[in-house]
Amino acid sequence: MRYYLGIDLGTSGMKVMAASPDGTIRKEKAPYREATPEGWLEAMELALRKLWQKVSPAEIAALSLSSQVGTYLTDGGEIIGWQSAAGTQELSEIKSQVTQAAFLSEIGMAHPDLISYPLPRLLYIKRHHPNAQRVCMPKEFLMETLTGECVTDPFSYRGLCHPSTRLYSVALLNQFGIDLALPPVASPTDLGGNVTPAAAGRFGIPQGTPVYLGCNDFFGGLLGMGVLSPSTVFELSGTSEHFGAITPSPVADSFVSGPYFEGCATYGGTKSSGPSINYAIRELDMASVTTDLAFEKAPLFLPYLTGERAPIFDENARGVFFGISPETRQNHMAYAVMEGVVFSLYHIASHLGLSRGQVPTILVGGGAAVDPRMNQMKASLWNAPVIRARETDSSALGACILAMVGQGAFPTLRDAVSALVAYDDPVEPDQVLGERLMARFEIYQSLYPSLKGHFEAFSKL
């Protein structure tokens, strides 16, 4: 049997997956001892060592990569993580000086209000790390470690690289005086290089194994969920969550809308959904909670533990429990956290025209998609069936798919998706629960505007 290896570098750990064209999947993961380049490599080495107990390295035909983006490494060793507030001032300057028409011409999309995108972050690095000459993201670091070649894909550099031409915007770089050396760009299914003797010795991947470029973990995750067709409504969970749809062309006045493998991915992303769920698991015994009507008196929760992106874009926002009474118990608060994360997605959807009654089905994937309680809440709130992609590590599967298409195991992405992506039965809406959730959401969405000024004052204490 021939396997195709997907390596996914996430926020908290490394996931590796070996998938064969007949749908057989073997996978492993390892957490980071520390979130540094060497910490990433140690986790990859450990995860692969465990994987080789299930799959022989000699069976690996090719591999591809998936990684968090918005995290930048300089040649001086500085790391700026995607959750950092670095670039806030720079983003404001850039958007005040460049028209939307210019953005569409140069990068194929409107520039979103995201400080982790390349332009604001590179301008920040230029100003605050003046000795830096070369910058890359984690995926390029892995590519260079494995092959000796530092090369990237256009989706990882959305906001600076035009996906159609696969060229960085020289006009934007020159306008802001950014002269940092950046990796060359090629297609996600293009060959980036071959595994070197040194990498083979450390990681056990056979020398000479082809390494295809892959893409950012979000697009890799969508691909691993089988999201390709226009009009598909999706929700992909992880450290952050993304809710949106595939549209035929960029949508004006949306949070993010830019070229995807087919059509455009139009969506909004949260920042703290994953940390909020982890908090409820760790501190509030979330595993014991049910979503029945016993929780009508549960408090509301704003899931902004580390700030929030869409739809409020506020780095100062923090988590809030609202409506605690003497009867409030730990399980009520755990329920509120789950509900608050679902409400944060619905808040995005309401701005995108994808709210209740406007969505035929929702395709969900990622780690949180395994939770039947949250899937029931989503189905009931949107009054639409929720369909779960069976493979939760969808970014790693997306990387496997890109390796297979790059190597010629499948002629197209659609062929690979048809063979490898499977789904569970739909979760149907509960009308009573849906009405209850809608009433609570109306209060939820009114809380942030009332607290906005207090968040800023609180951040200065």
Protein backbone atom coordinates (compact mmCIF):
# COMPACT_ATOMS: atom_id res chain seq x y z
CA MET A 1 0.00 0.00 0.00
CA ARG A 2 1.16 3.55 -0.75
CA TYR A 3 0.44 6.33 1.73
CA TYR A 4 0.54 10.09 1.37
CA LEU A 5 1.72 12.00 4.42
CA GLY A 6 0.10 15.19 5.67
CA ILE A 7 1.91 17.26 8.32
CA ASP A 8 -0.16 19.93 10.08
CA LEU A 9 1.55 22.48 12.33
CA GLY A 10 -1.17 23.91 14.59
CA THR A 11 -1.26 26.40 17.44
CA SER A 12 -0.73 23.85 20.22
CA GLY A 13 0.68 20.74 18.57
CA MET A 14 1.75 18.79 15.52
CA LYS A 15 -0.55 16.35 13.72
CA VAL A 16 0.65 13.84 11.15
CA MET A 17 -1.56 11.68 8.94
CA ALA A 18 -0.87 8.93 6.43
CA ALA A 19 -3.77 8.42 3.99
CA SER A 20 -4.02 5.99 1.10
CA PRO A 21 -6.13 6.58 -2.04
CA ASP A 22 -8.58 3.88 -0.88
CA GLY A 23 -9.42 5.94 2.23
CA THR A 24 -7.29 4.12 4.82
CA ILE A 25 -6.06 6.64 7.40
CA ARG A 26 -3.44 6.36 10.12
CA LYS A 27 -2.61 9.38 12.28
CA GLU A 28 -0.76 10.59 15.35
CA LYS A 29 -0.12 13.88 17.16
CA ALA A 30 2.22 15.43 19.69
CA PRO A 31 1.99 18.66 21.71
CA TYR A 32 4.72 21.27 21.70
CA ARG A 33 7.10 21.40 24.62
CA GLU A 34 7.50 25.05 23.63
CA ALA A 35 6.11 27.09 20.74
CA THR A 36 9.47 27.67 19.06
CA PRO A 37 10.95 26.36 15.81
CA GLU A 38 12.87 23.67 17.67
CA GLY A 39 9.76 22.89 19.71
CA TRP A 40 7.83 22.37 16.46
CA LEU A 41 10.51 20.04 15.12
CA GLU A 42 10.65 18.03 18.34
CA ALA A 43 6.87 17.56 18.23
CA MET A 44 7.01 16.54 14.56
CA GLU A 45 9.77 14.05 15.30
CA LEU A 46 7.75 12.53 18.17
CA ALA A 47 4.49 12.36 16.18
CA LEU A 48 6.23 10.71 13.23
CA ARG A 49 8.01 8.25 15.48
CA LYS A 50 4.60 7.14 16.77
CA LEU A 51 3.16 7.05 13.23
CA TRP A 52 5.96 4.73 12.02
CA GLN A 53 4.59 2.13 14.42
CA LYS A 54 1.43 2.04 12.28
CA VAL A 55 2.85 2.70 8.79
CA SER A 56 6.24 1.83 7.34
CA PRO A 57 8.17 4.91 6.20
CA ALA A 58 8.95 2.98 2.99
CA GLU A 59 5.24 3.16 2.13
CA ILE A 60 5.23 6.98 1.97
CA ALA A 61 4.91 8.08 -1.65
CA ALA A 62 4.88 11.85 -1.05
CA LEU A 63 3.95 14.42 1.55
CA SER A 64 2.50 17.90 1.87
CA LEU A 65 2.20 20.54 4.58
CA SER A 66 -0.46 22.53 6.39
CA SER A 67 0.26 25.21 8.97
CA GLN A 68 -1.04 28.09 11.02
CA VAL A 69 -0.50 31.40 9.26
CA GLY A 70 -0.15 34.88 10.65
CA THR A 71 2.85 33.67 12.68
CA TYR A 72 6.15 35.12 11.41
CA LEU A 73 9.78 34.14 11.97
CA THR A 74 12.66 36.48 11.23
CA ASP A 75 16.24 35.54 10.49
CA GLY A 76 17.13 37.11 13.84
CA GLY A 77 15.09 34.50 15.66
CA GLU A 78 12.10 36.66 16.57
CA ILE A 79 8.67 34.96 16.50
CA ILE A 80 5.45 36.98 16.25
CA GLY A 81 2.48 34.69 16.88
CA TRP A 82 -0.83 34.99 15.06
CA GLN A 83 -2.59 35.96 18.31
CA SER A 84 -0.23 38.89 18.93
CA ALA A 85 -1.53 42.46 18.79
CA ALA A 86 1.54 43.51 16.77
CA GLY A 87 0.49 45.41 13.66
CA THR A 88 -2.58 47.18 15.05
CA GLN A 89 -1.29 50.66 14.22
CA GLU A 90 0.16 49.49 10.91
CA LEU A 91 -3.15 48.00 9.75
CA SER A 92 -4.91 51.30 10.39
CA GLU A 93 -2.27 53.19 8.40
CA ILE A 94 -2.38 50.75 5.49
CA LYS A 95 -6.15 50.80 5.15
CA SER A 96 -6.23 54.60 5.33
CA GLN A 97 -3.71 54.90 2.49
CA VAL A 98 -4.81 52.19 0.03
CA THR A 99 -8.18 52.13 -1.72
CA GLN A 100 -10.28 49.00 -1.99
CA ALA A 101 -9.93 49.18 -5.77
CA ALA A 102 -6.16 49.09 -5.39
CA PHE A 103 -6.38 46.11 -3.04
CA LEU A 104 -8.60 44.21 -5.49
CA SER A 105 -6.13 44.90 -8.29
CA GLU A 106 -3.02 44.03 -6.29
CA ILE A 107 -4.12 41.11 -4.08
CA GLY A 108 -7.42 39.94 -5.62
CA MET A 109 -9.48 40.77 -2.53
CA ALA A 110 -10.36 43.56 -0.13
CA HIS A 111 -7.94 43.73 2.78
CA PRO A 112 -9.68 42.48 5.95
CA ASP A 113 -9.37 44.00 9.42
CA LEU A 114 -6.82 41.39 10.45
CA ILE A 115 -3.48 42.49 11.87
CA SER A 116 -2.04 39.01 11.29
CA TYR A 117 -2.16 39.48 7.51
CA PRO A 118 1.23 39.97 5.83
CA LEU A 119 1.21 43.71 5.11
CA PRO A 120 0.60 45.01 8.66
CA ARG A 121 2.85 42.38 10.21
CA LEU A 122 5.72 42.93 7.77
CA LEU A 123 5.49 46.68 8.24
CA TYR A 124 5.57 46.11 12.01
CA ILE A 125 8.65 43.88 11.65
CA LYS A 126 10.34 46.47 9.46
CA ARG A 127 9.83 49.10 12.15
CA HIS A 128 10.41 47.12 15.33
CA HIS A 129 12.97 44.54 14.19
CA PRO A 130 15.24 46.72 12.03
CA ASN A 131 17.96 44.07 11.74
CA ALA A 132 15.61 41.53 10.17
CA GLN A 133 16.33 40.82 6.51
CA ARG A 134 14.37 37.62 5.84
CA VAL A 135 10.90 36.59 7.01
CA CYS A 136 8.92 33.36 6.68
CA MET A 137 5.97 31.57 8.25
CA PRO A 138 6.04 28.17 10.01
CA LYS A 139 5.13 26.16 6.91
CA GLU A 140 8.08 27.55 4.97
CA PHE A 141 10.30 26.77 7.95
CA LEU A 142 9.14 23.15 7.81
CA MET A 143 9.63 23.04 4.04
CA GLU A 144 13.17 24.34 4.37
CA THR A 145 13.93 21.91 7.21
CA LEU A 146 12.72 18.96 5.14
CA THR A 147 14.04 19.92 1.70
CA GLY A 148 16.50 22.79 2.03
CA GLU A 149 14.12 24.93 -0.08
CA CYS A 150 12.17 27.87 1.38
CA VAL A 151 9.09 28.24 -0.83
CA THR A 152 5.42 28.97 -0.15
CA ASP A 153 1.93 29.05 -1.67
CA PRO A 154 -0.30 32.03 -2.49
CA PHE A 155 -3.00 31.17 0.07
CA SER A 156 -0.57 31.40 2.97
CA TYR A 157 0.28 34.97 1.90
CA ARG A 158 -3.28 36.14 1.22
CA GLY A 159 -3.33 39.91 1.56
CA LEU A 160 0.04 40.36 -0.18
CA CYS A 161 0.20 37.73 -2.94
CA HIS A 162 -2.30 37.67 -5.81
CA PRO A 163 -3.57 34.04 -6.11
CA SER A 164 -3.98 34.28 -9.89
CA THR A 165 -0.48 35.51 -10.69
CA ARG A 166 1.23 33.96 -7.64
CA LEU A 167 3.21 37.20 -7.30
CA TYR A 168 3.65 39.49 -4.31
CA SER A 169 2.37 43.04 -4.78
CA VAL A 170 5.52 45.02 -5.56
CA ALA A 171 3.44 48.20 -5.53
CA LEU A 172 2.26 47.67 -1.94
CA LEU A 173 5.68 46.56 -0.72
CA ASN A 174 7.29 49.64 -2.27
CA GLN A 175 4.56 51.99 -1.01
CA PHE A 176 5.33 51.04 2.59
CA GLY A 177 9.07 50.59 2.18
CA ILE A 178 9.06 46.87 2.94
CA ASP A 179 12.23 45.32 1.51
CA LEU A 180 12.32 42.08 3.53
CA ALA A 181 13.23 38.89 1.65
CA LEU A 182 10.14 36.68 1.26
CA PRO A 183 9.82 33.06 0.03
CA PRO A 184 9.08 32.46 -3.67
CA VAL A 185 5.51 31.37 -4.42
CA ALA A 186 4.10 28.36 -6.30
CA SER A 187 0.84 26.37 -6.40
CA PRO A 188 -0.23 24.24 -3.37
CA THR A 189 0.11 21.10 -5.53
CA ASP A 190 3.54 22.08 -6.89
CA LEU A 191 6.67 20.26 -5.80
CA GLY A 192 8.62 22.26 -3.23
CA GLY A 193 11.59 19.90 -2.98
CA ASN A 194 12.65 16.45 -1.81
CA VAL A 195 13.53 15.17 1.63
CA THR A 196 17.23 15.69 2.35
CA PRO A 197 19.57 13.13 3.96
CA ALA A 198 19.64 15.18 7.18
CA ALA A 199 15.83 15.35 7.40
CA ALA A 200 15.54 11.65 6.58
CA GLY A 201 17.91 10.84 9.42
CA ARG A 202 16.00 12.90 11.98
CA PHE A 203 12.37 12.26 11.00
CA GLY A 204 12.49 8.84 9.38
CA ILE A 205 10.93 9.98 6.08
CA PRO A 206 12.84 8.29 3.24
CA GLN A 207 15.44 10.46 1.53
CA GLY A 208 14.21 11.87 -1.76
CA THR A 209 10.48 11.73 -0.85
CA PRO A 210 8.66 14.49 -2.80
CA VAL A 211 7.35 17.35 -0.65
CA TYR A 212 4.43 19.33 -2.14
CA LEU A 213 3.78 22.85 -0.94
CA GLY A 214 0.36 22.52 0.68
CA CYS A 215 -1.37 25.59 2.11
CA ASN A 216 -2.61 27.40 5.21
CA ASP A 217 -4.39 25.25 7.79
CA PHE A 218 -7.78 26.91 7.26
CA PHE A 219 -7.95 26.21 3.53
CA GLY A 220 -6.42 22.78 4.11
CA GLY A 221 -9.13 22.13 6.68
CA LEU A 222 -11.90 23.19 4.31
CA LEU A 223 -10.46 20.91 1.64
CA GLY A 224 -10.29 18.04 4.15
CA MET A 225 -13.99 18.64 4.90
CA GLY A 226 -14.84 18.39 1.20
CA VAL A 227 -15.68 22.09 0.84
CA LEU A 228 -15.33 22.92 -2.85
CA SER A 229 -18.71 23.76 -4.38
CA PRO A 230 -20.08 27.31 -4.48
CA SER A 231 -22.89 27.97 -1.96
CA THR A 232 -21.48 25.46 0.55
CA VAL A 233 -21.94 26.87 4.07
CA PHE A 234 -19.19 25.75 6.45
CA GLU A 235 -18.00 25.98 10.03
CA LEU A 236 -14.48 24.84 10.84
CA SER A 237 -13.41 24.72 14.48
CA GLY A 238 -10.00 24.83 16.10
CA THR A 239 -8.21 27.35 18.30
CA SER A 240 -10.34 29.82 16.38
CA GLU A 241 -13.53 29.05 14.45
CA HIS A 242 -14.44 30.11 10.93
CA PHE A 243 -17.99 30.44 9.62
CA GLY A 244 -18.89 31.32 6.05
CA ALA A 245 -19.63 30.08 2.56
CA ILE A 246 -18.00 29.52 -0.80
CA THR A 247 -19.14 32.28 -3.14
CA PRO A 248 -18.61 32.64 -6.91
CA SER A 249 -16.63 35.88 -6.50
CA PRO A 250 -15.41 38.20 -3.72
CA VAL A 251 -18.22 39.70 -1.64
CA ALA A 252 -17.92 43.38 -0.75
CA ASP A 253 -18.31 44.48 2.88
CA SER A 254 -17.70 40.99 4.27
CA PHE A 255 -15.11 40.20 6.92
CA VAL A 256 -12.86 38.18 4.60
CA SER A 257 -13.62 37.24 1.00
CA GLY A 258 -10.86 36.03 -1.26
CA PRO A 259 -9.90 33.38 -3.82
CA TYR A 260 -10.08 29.73 -2.77
CA PHE A 261 -9.36 26.55 -4.75
CA GLU A 262 -12.73 27.06 -6.47
CA GLY A 263 -14.63 30.34 -6.11
CA CYS A 264 -13.98 32.50 -3.04
CA ALA A 265 -14.02 31.77 0.67
CA THR A 266 -16.23 34.39 2.31
CA TYR A 267 -16.24 34.17 6.08
CA GLY A 268 -15.48 35.55 9.50
CA GLY A 269 -13.21 34.05 12.14
CA THR A 270 -13.33 34.13 15.92
CA LYS A 271 -10.22 34.35 18.08
CA SER A 272 -11.03 32.74 21.43
CA SER A 273 -13.53 29.96 20.81
CA GLY A 274 -10.99 27.18 21.34
CA PRO A 275 -9.56 28.69 24.55
CA SER A 276 -13.12 29.20 25.82
CA ILE A 277 -14.03 25.55 25.29
CA ASN A 278 -10.74 24.45 26.86
CA TYR A 279 -11.54 26.66 29.86
CA ALA A 280 -14.96 25.02 30.26
CA ILE A 281 -13.44 21.55 29.99
CA ARG A 282 -10.69 22.34 32.49
CA GLU A 283 -12.58 24.43 35.05
CA LEU A 284 -16.28 23.70 34.64
CA ASP A 285 -16.62 19.94 33.91
CA MET A 286 -18.14 20.56 30.49
CA ALA A 287 -18.36 16.83 29.77
CA SER A 288 -21.32 16.44 32.15
CA VAL A 289 -23.50 19.15 30.59
CA THR A 290 -26.69 18.59 28.61
CA THR A 291 -28.58 21.10 26.45
CA ASP A 292 -32.09 20.44 27.75
CA LEU A 293 -34.48 23.09 29.00
CA ALA A 294 -33.16 22.79 32.56
CA PHE A 295 -30.71 25.51 31.57
CA GLU A 296 -33.24 28.24 30.87
CA LYS A 297 -31.75 30.20 33.78
CA ALA A 298 -28.14 29.67 32.72
CA PRO A 299 -26.07 32.86 32.40
CA LEU A 300 -24.90 34.20 29.07
CA PHE A 301 -21.21 34.11 28.16
CA LEU A 302 -19.12 36.33 25.90
CA PRO A 303 -16.31 34.04 24.64
CA TYR A 304 -13.62 36.69 24.30
CA LEU A 305 -10.93 35.25 26.58
CA THR A 306 -8.03 36.48 24.42
CA GLY A 307 -9.88 39.19 22.48
CA GLU A 308 -12.08 38.75 19.45
CA ARG A 309 -11.91 39.05 15.69
CA ALA A 310 -15.15 39.04 13.67
CA PRO A 311 -17.52 40.70 14.07
CA ILE A 312 -16.19 43.13 16.70
CA PHE A 313 -12.38 43.11 16.10
CA ASP A 314 -11.40 44.10 19.63
CA GLU A 315 -8.10 42.92 21.13
CA ASN A 316 -9.15 44.32 24.52
CA ALA A 317 -12.38 42.30 24.80
CA ARG A 318 -12.45 39.60 27.48
CA GLY A 319 -14.74 36.84 28.64
CA VAL A 320 -17.89 37.78 30.55
CA PHE A 321 -20.54 35.78 32.40
CA PHE A 322 -23.82 37.76 32.50
CA GLY A 323 -26.85 36.88 34.60
CA ILE A 324 -25.38 34.84 37.46
CA SER A 325 -27.88 34.20 40.27
CA PRO A 326 -27.74 32.29 43.59
CA GLU A 327 -29.06 29.25 41.70
CA THR A 328 -26.21 29.29 39.14
CA ARG A 329 -24.11 26.16 39.31
CA GLN A 330 -20.94 25.03 37.60
CA ASN A 331 -22.84 23.08 34.94
CA HIS A 332 -24.93 26.16 34.09
CA MET A 333 -21.71 28.08 33.46
CA ALA A 334 -20.26 25.26 31.35
CA TYR A 335 -23.41 25.26 29.25
CA ALA A 336 -23.13 29.05 28.87
CA VAL A 337 -19.60 28.71 27.48
CA MET A 338 -20.71 26.22 24.80
CA GLU A 339 -23.70 28.37 23.94
CA GLY A 340 -21.55 31.52 23.83
CA VAL A 341 -19.18 29.94 21.31
CA VAL A 342 -22.17 28.99 19.12
CA PHE A 343 -23.54 32.52 19.51
CA SER A 344 -20.19 33.98 18.40
CA LEU A 345 -20.58 32.03 15.14
CA TYR A 346 -24.18 33.15 14.71
CA HIS A 347 -23.05 36.74 15.30
CA ILE A 348 -20.70 36.36 12.32
CA ALA A 349 -23.39 34.65 10.24
CA SER A 350 -25.89 37.45 10.86
CA HIS A 351 -23.43 39.93 9.30
CA LEU A 352 -22.86 37.67 6.28
CA GLY A 353 -26.53 37.09 5.44
CA LEU A 354 -26.21 33.45 6.58
CA SER A 355 -28.49 33.50 9.61
CA ARG A 356 -31.66 31.58 10.46
CA GLY A 357 -33.75 30.75 7.41
CA GLN A 358 -30.97 31.66 4.96
CA VAL A 359 -28.91 28.46 5.19
CA PRO A 360 -30.01 25.08 3.71
CA THR A 361 -27.38 22.98 5.54
CA ILE A 362 -24.18 23.60 7.50
CA LEU A 363 -21.09 21.46 6.97
CA VAL A 364 -18.99 21.33 10.15
CA GLY A 365 -15.47 20.06 10.79
CA GLY A 366 -12.57 20.24 13.21
CA GLY A 367 -12.22 19.16 16.82
CA ALA A 368 -15.35 20.80 18.25
CA ALA A 369 -17.48 19.21 15.53
CA VAL A 370 -17.42 15.93 17.45
CA ASP A 371 -19.55 17.48 20.23
CA PRO A 372 -23.20 16.45 19.59
CA ARG A 373 -24.49 19.08 22.02
CA MET A 374 -22.96 21.97 20.11
CA ASN A 375 -24.04 20.48 16.78
CA GLN A 376 -27.61 20.29 18.11
CA MET A 377 -27.41 23.93 19.19
CA LYS A 378 -26.14 24.94 15.75
CA ALA A 379 -28.83 22.99 13.90
CA SER A 380 -31.55 24.43 16.13
CA LEU A 381 -30.29 28.03 16.07
CA TRP A 382 -29.96 28.11 12.28
CA ASN A 383 -33.00 25.81 11.80
CA ALA A 384 -30.94 23.81 9.32
CA PRO A 385 -29.43 20.32 9.31
CA VAL A 386 -25.80 20.12 10.46
CA ILE A 387 -23.59 17.59 8.66
CA ARG A 388 -20.28 16.61 10.24
CA ALA A 389 -17.21 15.63 8.26
CA ARG A 390 -16.13 12.35 9.85
CA GLU A 391 -12.40 13.09 9.89
CA THR A 392 -11.78 15.71 12.58
CA ASP A 393 -8.16 16.40 11.63
CA SER A 394 -9.28 17.94 8.39
CA SER A 395 -6.22 20.18 7.86
CA ALA A 396 -3.93 17.14 7.91
CA LEU A 397 -6.29 15.34 5.53
CA GLY A 398 -6.28 18.39 3.26
CA ALA A 399 -2.49 18.19 3.15
CA CYS A 400 -2.72 14.49 2.22
CA ILE A 401 -5.13 15.36 -0.59
CA LEU A 402 -2.76 18.01 -1.97
CA ALA A 403 0.11 15.51 -1.92
CA MET A 404 -2.00 12.94 -3.78
CA VAL A 405 -3.05 15.38 -6.49
CA GLY A 406 0.47 16.76 -6.76
CA GLN A 407 1.89 13.26 -7.18
CA GLY A 408 -0.85 12.21 -9.64
CA ALA A 409 -2.69 9.67 -7.47
CA PHE A 410 -5.89 11.61 -8.36
CA PRO A 411 -6.32 13.88 -11.38
CA THR A 412 -8.25 16.60 -9.53
CA LEU A 413 -9.06 17.81 -6.04
CA ARG A 414 -12.69 16.80 -6.56
CA ASP A 415 -11.70 13.23 -7.36
CA ALA A 416 -9.58 13.04 -4.21
CA VAL A 417 -12.31 14.58 -2.04
CA SER A 418 -14.90 12.09 -3.37
CA ALA A 419 -12.66 9.19 -2.45
CA LEU A 420 -11.46 10.37 0.97
CA VAL A 421 -14.07 12.59 2.67
CA ALA A 422 -16.98 10.91 4.49
CA TYR A 423 -19.84 12.37 6.55
CA ASP A 424 -22.04 11.43 9.49
CA ASP A 425 -25.83 11.51 9.34
CA PRO A 426 -27.31 15.03 9.63
CA VAL A 427 -28.25 16.51 13.00
CA GLU A 428 -31.78 17.87 12.60
CA PRO A 429 -33.09 21.08 14.25
CA ASP A 430 -35.05 21.13 17.48
CA GLN A 431 -37.66 23.87 17.07
CA VAL A 432 -38.20 24.49 20.80
CA LEU A 433 -34.46 24.74 21.46
CA GLY A 434 -34.05 27.00 18.44
CA GLU A 435 -36.64 29.51 19.69
CA ARG A 436 -35.06 29.53 23.13
CA LEU A 437 -31.60 30.14 21.67
CA MET A 438 -32.83 32.97 19.47
CA ALA A 439 -34.33 34.76 22.47
CA ARG A 440 -31.07 34.42 24.39
CA PHE A 441 -28.99 35.51 21.38
CA GLU A 442 -30.87 38.80 21.18
CA ILE A 443 -29.57 39.66 24.65
CA TYR A 444 -26.10 38.23 23.90
CA GLN A 445 -25.52 40.52 20.92
CA SER A 446 -26.48 43.60 22.93
CA LEU A 447 -23.87 42.99 25.63
CA TYR A 448 -20.65 43.85 23.78
CA PRO A 449 -21.75 47.36 22.68
CA SER A 450 -22.63 48.13 26.30
CA LEU A 451 -19.26 46.91 27.58
CA LYS A 452 -16.92 48.08 24.81
CA GLY A 453 -15.62 51.14 26.63
CA HIS A 454 -15.15 49.18 29.84
CA PHE A 455 -12.97 46.60 28.07
CA GLU A 456 -10.59 49.32 26.97
CA ALA A 457 -10.45 50.85 30.47
CA PHE A 458 -9.96 47.42 32.03
CA SER A 459 -7.01 46.70 29.73
CA LYS A 460 -5.19 49.72 31.17
CA LEU A 461 -5.47 48.72 34.82
